[in-house]
Amino acid sequence: MPKTLEVVCTREDCDLDMFQLHYTYSMPDGTGVESFVCPYCREDAGLKEVRA
């Protein structure tokens, strides 16, 4: 089963709470939150992985 990564945007001026990234099997090993930008504010500086 492909990995699911839950991410929050912590920027104060962004209204997005949380979103999920569903990887395909061809996603390179080591791909993490630093490879993406927030789909709402288009910034990468505030993204953090949600860890259980």
N, C-alpha and C. Protein backbone atom coordinates (compact mmCIF):
# COMPACT_ATOMS: atom_id res chain seq x y z
N MET A 1 0.84 -1.17 0.00
CA MET A 1 0.00 0.00 0.00
C MET A 1 0.89 1.24 0.00
N PRO A 2 0.61 2.22 -0.85
CA PRO A 2 1.41 3.45 -0.88
C PRO A 2 1.32 4.21 0.45
N LYS A 3 2.37 4.91 0.75
CA LYS A 3 2.44 5.69 1.99
C LYS A 3 1.50 6.88 1.94
N THR A 4 0.92 7.22 3.09
CA THR A 4 0.11 8.43 3.24
C THR A 4 0.84 9.33 4.23
N LEU A 5 1.02 10.59 3.86
CA LEU A 5 1.71 11.56 4.70
C LEU A 5 0.72 12.65 5.06
N GLU A 6 0.47 12.86 6.37
CA GLU A 6 -0.40 13.94 6.82
C GLU A 6 0.47 15.15 7.13
N VAL A 7 0.04 16.30 6.63
CA VAL A 7 0.84 17.53 6.70
C VAL A 7 -0.03 18.68 7.20
N VAL A 8 0.53 19.55 8.02
CA VAL A 8 -0.13 20.79 8.44
C VAL A 8 0.68 21.96 7.94
N CYS A 9 0.00 23.07 7.68
CA CYS A 9 0.68 24.32 7.36
C CYS A 9 0.59 25.19 8.60
N THR A 10 1.73 25.56 9.14
CA THR A 10 1.79 26.30 10.40
C THR A 10 1.91 27.81 10.22
N ARG A 11 1.86 28.27 8.99
CA ARG A 11 1.97 29.72 8.75
C ARG A 11 0.73 30.43 9.29
N GLU A 12 0.92 31.50 10.04
CA GLU A 12 -0.19 32.22 10.66
C GLU A 12 -1.16 32.81 9.65
N ASP A 13 -0.68 33.18 8.47
CA ASP A 13 -1.55 33.80 7.48
C ASP A 13 -2.16 32.79 6.51
N CYS A 14 -2.04 31.49 6.81
CA CYS A 14 -2.62 30.44 5.97
C CYS A 14 -3.81 29.83 6.69
N ASP A 15 -4.92 29.68 5.99
CA ASP A 15 -6.14 29.14 6.58
C ASP A 15 -6.28 27.63 6.44
N LEU A 16 -5.34 26.97 5.78
CA LEU A 16 -5.41 25.53 5.62
C LEU A 16 -4.98 24.85 6.91
N ASP A 17 -5.74 23.86 7.34
CA ASP A 17 -5.44 23.15 8.58
C ASP A 17 -4.52 21.97 8.30
N MET A 18 -5.05 20.93 7.63
CA MET A 18 -4.29 19.71 7.40
C MET A 18 -4.66 19.14 6.04
N PHE A 19 -3.70 18.46 5.41
CA PHE A 19 -3.99 17.75 4.17
C PHE A 19 -3.17 16.48 4.13
N GLN A 20 -3.56 15.56 3.25
CA GLN A 20 -2.86 14.28 3.12
C GLN A 20 -2.24 14.16 1.75
N LEU A 21 -1.06 13.58 1.72
CA LEU A 21 -0.38 13.26 0.47
C LEU A 21 -0.38 11.75 0.35
N HIS A 22 -0.88 11.25 -0.76
CA HIS A 22 -0.92 9.82 -1.00
C HIS A 22 0.12 9.51 -2.07
N TYR A 23 1.19 8.86 -1.67
CA TYR A 23 2.29 8.55 -2.58
C TYR A 23 1.90 7.42 -3.52
N THR A 24 2.50 7.42 -4.69
CA THR A 24 2.42 6.27 -5.59
C THR A 24 3.61 5.37 -5.30
N TYR A 25 3.58 4.20 -5.85
CA TYR A 25 4.69 3.27 -5.63
C TYR A 25 5.98 3.77 -6.24
N SER A 26 5.92 4.65 -7.21
CA SER A 26 7.13 5.11 -7.88
C SER A 26 7.76 6.34 -7.21
N MET A 27 7.22 6.79 -6.07
CA MET A 27 7.80 7.93 -5.36
C MET A 27 9.19 7.53 -4.86
N PRO A 28 10.23 8.34 -5.10
CA PRO A 28 11.57 7.99 -4.66
C PRO A 28 11.66 7.84 -3.14
N ASP A 29 12.47 6.91 -2.68
CA ASP A 29 12.71 6.74 -1.24
C ASP A 29 13.25 8.04 -0.68
N GLY A 30 12.85 8.35 0.54
CA GLY A 30 13.34 9.56 1.18
C GLY A 30 12.52 10.80 0.88
N THR A 31 11.50 10.69 0.04
CA THR A 31 10.64 11.84 -0.24
C THR A 31 9.84 12.18 1.00
N GLY A 32 9.89 13.43 1.41
CA GLY A 32 9.18 13.86 2.62
C GLY A 32 8.52 15.20 2.43
N VAL A 33 8.09 15.76 3.52
CA VAL A 33 7.33 17.01 3.49
C VAL A 33 8.13 18.15 2.84
N GLU A 34 9.44 18.09 2.91
CA GLU A 34 10.28 19.15 2.34
C GLU A 34 10.22 19.20 0.81
N SER A 35 9.63 18.19 0.20
CA SER A 35 9.51 18.14 -1.26
C SER A 35 8.23 18.80 -1.78
N PHE A 36 7.40 19.33 -0.89
CA PHE A 36 6.09 19.84 -1.28
C PHE A 36 5.86 21.27 -0.81
N VAL A 37 4.83 21.91 -1.36
CA VAL A 37 4.39 23.23 -0.92
C VAL A 37 2.93 23.13 -0.49
N CYS A 38 2.49 24.05 0.32
CA CYS A 38 1.10 24.10 0.76
C CYS A 38 0.20 24.36 -0.45
N PRO A 39 -0.84 23.57 -0.65
CA PRO A 39 -1.72 23.79 -1.80
C PRO A 39 -2.59 25.05 -1.66
N TYR A 40 -2.64 25.63 -0.48
CA TYR A 40 -3.46 26.83 -0.26
C TYR A 40 -2.64 28.11 -0.40
N CYS A 41 -1.56 28.23 0.37
CA CYS A 41 -0.78 29.47 0.35
C CYS A 41 0.44 29.39 -0.58
N ARG A 42 0.73 28.21 -1.10
CA ARG A 42 1.84 27.98 -2.04
C ARG A 42 3.23 28.21 -1.44
N GLU A 43 3.32 28.13 -0.11
CA GLU A 43 4.60 28.29 0.57
C GLU A 43 5.06 26.93 1.11
N ASP A 44 6.37 26.75 1.26
CA ASP A 44 6.87 25.50 1.83
C ASP A 44 7.45 25.68 3.23
N ALA A 45 7.66 26.92 3.64
CA ALA A 45 8.34 27.18 4.90
C ALA A 45 7.56 26.72 6.13
N GLY A 46 6.24 26.65 6.07
CA GLY A 46 5.45 26.30 7.25
C GLY A 46 4.97 24.87 7.30
N LEU A 47 5.36 24.03 6.37
CA LEU A 47 4.86 22.67 6.34
C LEU A 47 5.55 21.78 7.38
N LYS A 48 4.72 21.02 8.11
CA LYS A 48 5.22 20.09 9.11
C LYS A 48 4.46 18.78 8.98
N GLU A 49 5.16 17.67 9.14
CA GLU A 49 4.53 16.36 9.11
C GLU A 49 3.82 16.09 10.43
N VAL A 50 2.58 15.55 10.35
CA VAL A 50 1.84 15.16 11.53
C VAL A 50 2.31 13.76 11.92
N ARG A 51 2.79 13.62 13.12
CA ARG A 51 3.26 12.31 13.59
C ARG A 51 2.38 11.83 14.72
N ALA A 52 2.01 10.58 14.63
CA ALA A 52 1.12 10.00 15.65
C ALA A 52 1.83 9.71 16.94
